[in-house]
């Protein structure tokens, strides 16, 4: 079990998002009032390639434990500043498989689609942070620590303090890839 520690949104394309008291998840679309809401991609770089691609990046989640890890490396990050919509604690997001579902609060459900790939905007936020957001696992593979992306399966209000329950997908578990 985990918990929501902050919720954030922005109606315009910006790196960081403002913390708000609650957000409304809308099934199939994303977060009401957020620039990334929609059935098709909304991230500018992806729209430029093909605006008709399904939006697998409706809701960005990040684990608050990352902030302490980055603090130890000399970076100060607060909820929403990495562009995430939902900041959580108590769930190892990066170890979840594709298709894992997070039941949040009274009825909202998001399905994890993949990893957020750290991009150059992170260094514009704080110089050197992009490199700090990357690591290596035991096999030498790159670990991207900047959170996971998801789609909204069931809508509902989400606010700080809401409980999070993880539901693993049936069948063979697929490792998260960048979406």
Protein backbone atom coordinates (compact mmCIF):
# COMPACT_ATOMS: atom_id res chain seq x y z
CA UNK A 1 0.00 0.00 0.00
CA UNK A 2 1.16 3.47 -0.84
CA UNK A 3 -0.18 6.99 -0.49
CA UNK A 4 -0.57 10.10 -2.58
CA UNK A 5 1.57 12.93 -1.19
CA UNK A 6 0.78 15.63 -3.79
CA UNK A 7 -1.24 16.21 -6.96
CA UNK A 8 -0.30 18.69 -9.67
CA UNK A 9 -1.44 19.92 -13.06
CA UNK A 10 -0.82 22.57 -15.68
CA UNK A 11 -3.09 23.85 -18.44
CA UNK A 12 -0.07 24.79 -20.55
CA UNK A 13 3.12 23.13 -21.71
CA UNK A 14 5.65 23.74 -18.95
CA UNK A 15 8.24 21.60 -17.23
CA UNK A 16 6.85 21.91 -13.69
CA UNK A 17 3.21 21.66 -12.63
CA UNK A 18 1.44 23.52 -9.84
CA UNK A 19 0.32 21.65 -6.73
CA UNK A 20 -3.45 21.70 -6.27
CA UNK A 21 -5.80 20.37 -3.56
CA UNK A 22 -7.21 17.66 -5.88
CA UNK A 23 -7.28 16.50 -9.50
CA UNK A 24 -10.08 14.84 -11.43
CA UNK A 25 -9.10 11.79 -13.47
CA UNK A 26 -11.38 11.22 -16.46
CA UNK A 27 -11.55 7.70 -17.92
CA UNK A 28 -9.84 7.32 -21.31
CA UNK A 29 -8.78 11.00 -21.38
CA UNK A 30 -6.50 11.88 -18.46
CA UNK A 31 -6.67 14.72 -15.98
CA UNK A 32 -9.30 17.43 -16.35
CA UNK A 33 -7.60 20.77 -17.01
CA UNK A 34 -4.15 19.30 -17.69
CA UNK A 35 -2.42 20.06 -20.99
CA UNK A 36 -1.75 16.33 -21.57
CA UNK A 37 -5.42 15.32 -21.40
CA UNK A 38 -6.62 13.51 -24.50
CA UNK A 39 -6.94 10.25 -26.39
CA UNK A 40 -4.01 11.09 -28.70
CA UNK A 41 -0.51 12.30 -27.78
CA UNK A 42 -0.17 15.82 -26.41
CA UNK A 43 3.59 16.03 -25.72
CA UNK A 44 4.87 18.49 -28.32
CA UNK A 45 7.78 16.34 -29.55
CA UNK A 46 5.47 13.38 -30.08
CA UNK A 47 2.73 15.43 -31.74
CA UNK A 48 5.34 16.69 -34.24
CA UNK A 49 6.13 13.07 -35.23
CA UNK A 50 2.54 11.79 -35.41
CA UNK A 51 -0.42 13.54 -33.74
CA UNK A 52 -2.63 10.45 -34.11
CA UNK A 53 -0.65 8.13 -31.83
CA UNK A 54 -2.55 6.94 -28.73
CA UNK A 55 -1.75 8.95 -25.60
CA UNK A 56 0.03 6.52 -23.27
CA UNK A 57 1.27 9.46 -21.19
CA UNK A 58 -1.97 10.86 -19.71
CA UNK A 59 -0.83 10.75 -16.08
CA UNK A 60 2.79 11.00 -14.87
CA UNK A 61 3.52 9.48 -11.46
CA UNK A 62 6.74 9.85 -9.50
CA UNK A 63 7.86 8.35 -6.20
CA UNK A 64 8.66 10.88 -3.49
CA UNK A 65 11.55 8.70 -2.32
CA UNK A 66 13.39 9.91 -5.44
CA UNK A 67 13.49 13.44 -4.00
CA UNK A 68 15.53 12.26 -0.98
CA UNK A 69 17.87 10.34 -3.29
CA UNK A 70 18.41 13.46 -5.41
CA UNK A 71 18.79 15.63 -2.29
CA UNK A 72 21.72 13.42 -1.26
CA UNK A 73 23.28 14.28 -4.65
CA UNK A 74 22.82 18.02 -4.11
CA UNK A 75 19.50 18.59 -5.94
CA UNK A 76 16.38 20.00 -4.33
CA UNK A 77 13.10 18.83 -5.85
CA UNK A 78 9.58 19.41 -4.58
CA UNK A 79 6.36 17.70 -5.69
CA UNK A 80 5.19 18.80 -9.13
CA UNK A 81 8.54 20.27 -10.12
CA UNK A 82 9.46 17.25 -12.29
CA UNK A 83 6.20 17.66 -14.20
CA UNK A 84 4.45 14.78 -12.47
CA UNK A 85 0.72 14.80 -11.84
CA UNK A 86 0.75 12.46 -8.85
CA UNK A 87 3.55 12.24 -6.31
CA UNK A 88 3.38 9.06 -4.23
CA UNK A 89 5.19 7.25 -1.48
CA UNK A 90 5.37 3.59 -0.53
CA UNK A 91 5.14 2.04 -4.04
CA UNK A 92 8.22 1.02 -6.05
CA UNK A 93 6.93 2.44 -9.32
CA UNK A 94 10.04 1.57 -11.32
CA UNK A 95 9.70 -2.14 -10.57
CA UNK A 96 6.08 -2.37 -11.75
CA UNK A 97 5.35 -4.21 -15.01
CA UNK A 98 3.42 -2.84 -17.97
CA UNK A 99 -0.29 -3.10 -17.28
CA UNK A 100 -0.03 -2.83 -13.49
CA UNK A 101 -3.02 -0.90 -12.18
CA UNK A 102 -2.94 1.58 -9.35
CA UNK A 103 -6.23 1.96 -7.50
CA UNK A 104 -6.15 5.45 -6.03
CA UNK A 105 -8.54 6.80 -3.43
CA UNK A 106 -12.22 5.95 -3.64
CA UNK A 107 -12.34 4.75 -7.23
CA UNK A 108 -9.74 6.16 -9.63
CA UNK A 109 -7.62 3.61 -11.51
CA UNK A 110 -4.60 4.24 -13.71
CA UNK A 111 -2.75 1.62 -15.75
CA UNK A 112 1.03 1.88 -16.03
CA UNK A 113 2.12 2.09 -19.67
CA UNK A 114 5.86 2.70 -19.36
CA UNK A 115 8.74 4.79 -18.12
CA UNK A 116 9.24 8.51 -18.49
CA UNK A 117 12.48 9.12 -20.31
CA UNK A 118 14.55 11.88 -18.71
CA UNK A 119 15.04 14.63 -21.30
CA UNK A 120 17.15 17.75 -21.67
CA UNK A 121 14.48 19.87 -19.99
CA UNK A 122 15.57 18.29 -16.70
CA UNK A 123 18.99 19.96 -17.03
CA UNK A 124 17.28 23.27 -17.82
CA UNK A 125 15.47 22.86 -14.49
CA UNK A 126 18.67 22.03 -12.55
CA UNK A 127 22.01 21.58 -14.27
CA UNK A 128 23.33 18.01 -13.99
CA UNK A 129 19.99 16.57 -12.80
CA UNK A 130 19.43 14.50 -15.95
CA UNK A 131 22.58 12.48 -15.32
CA UNK A 132 21.55 12.00 -11.68
CA UNK A 133 18.17 10.67 -12.87
CA UNK A 134 19.91 7.85 -14.72
CA UNK A 135 21.55 4.86 -13.10
CA UNK A 136 22.60 1.31 -13.87
CA UNK A 137 21.20 -1.95 -12.53
CA UNK A 138 23.13 -5.14 -11.71
CA UNK A 139 23.15 -6.13 -15.40
CA UNK A 140 24.52 -2.74 -16.46
CA UNK A 141 21.23 -1.70 -18.04
CA UNK A 142 20.18 1.94 -17.78
CA UNK A 143 17.68 2.73 -15.03
CA UNK A 144 15.47 5.73 -15.74
CA UNK A 145 14.33 7.12 -12.38
CA UNK A 146 12.04 9.96 -13.49
CA UNK A 147 8.76 8.15 -12.90
CA UNK A 148 6.18 6.22 -14.86
CA UNK A 149 3.47 7.14 -17.31
CA UNK A 150 -0.09 5.81 -17.25
CA UNK A 151 -3.56 6.01 -18.74
CA UNK A 152 -6.82 6.51 -16.87
CA UNK A 153 -8.99 3.37 -16.64
CA UNK A 154 -11.56 4.67 -14.12
CA UNK A 155 -12.10 8.29 -13.23
CA UNK A 156 -12.37 9.94 -9.87
CA UNK A 157 -10.99 12.62 -7.60
CA UNK A 158 -7.43 12.16 -6.34
CA UNK A 159 -5.96 14.16 -3.47
CA UNK A 160 -3.04 14.02 -1.04
CA UNK A 161 -3.55 11.32 1.59
CA UNK A 162 -5.41 8.96 -0.73
CA UNK A 163 -4.36 5.32 -0.43
CA UNK A 164 -2.90 3.47 -3.39
CA UNK A 165 -3.32 -0.25 -3.99
CA UNK A 166 -1.36 -2.05 -6.73
CA UNK A 167 -3.05 -4.69 -8.90
CA UNK A 168 -0.63 -6.77 -10.95
CA UNK A 169 -1.64 -7.78 -14.49
CA UNK A 170 -2.55 -11.38 -15.33
CA UNK A 171 -0.22 -13.48 -17.44
CA UNK A 172 3.41 -12.90 -18.26
CA UNK A 173 4.81 -9.72 -16.71
CA UNK A 174 6.40 -7.29 -19.18
CA UNK A 175 9.19 -5.00 -18.07
CA UNK A 176 8.56 -1.26 -18.43
CA UNK A 177 9.96 0.45 -21.51
CA UNK A 178 10.10 4.14 -22.36
CA UNK A 179 6.81 5.51 -23.73
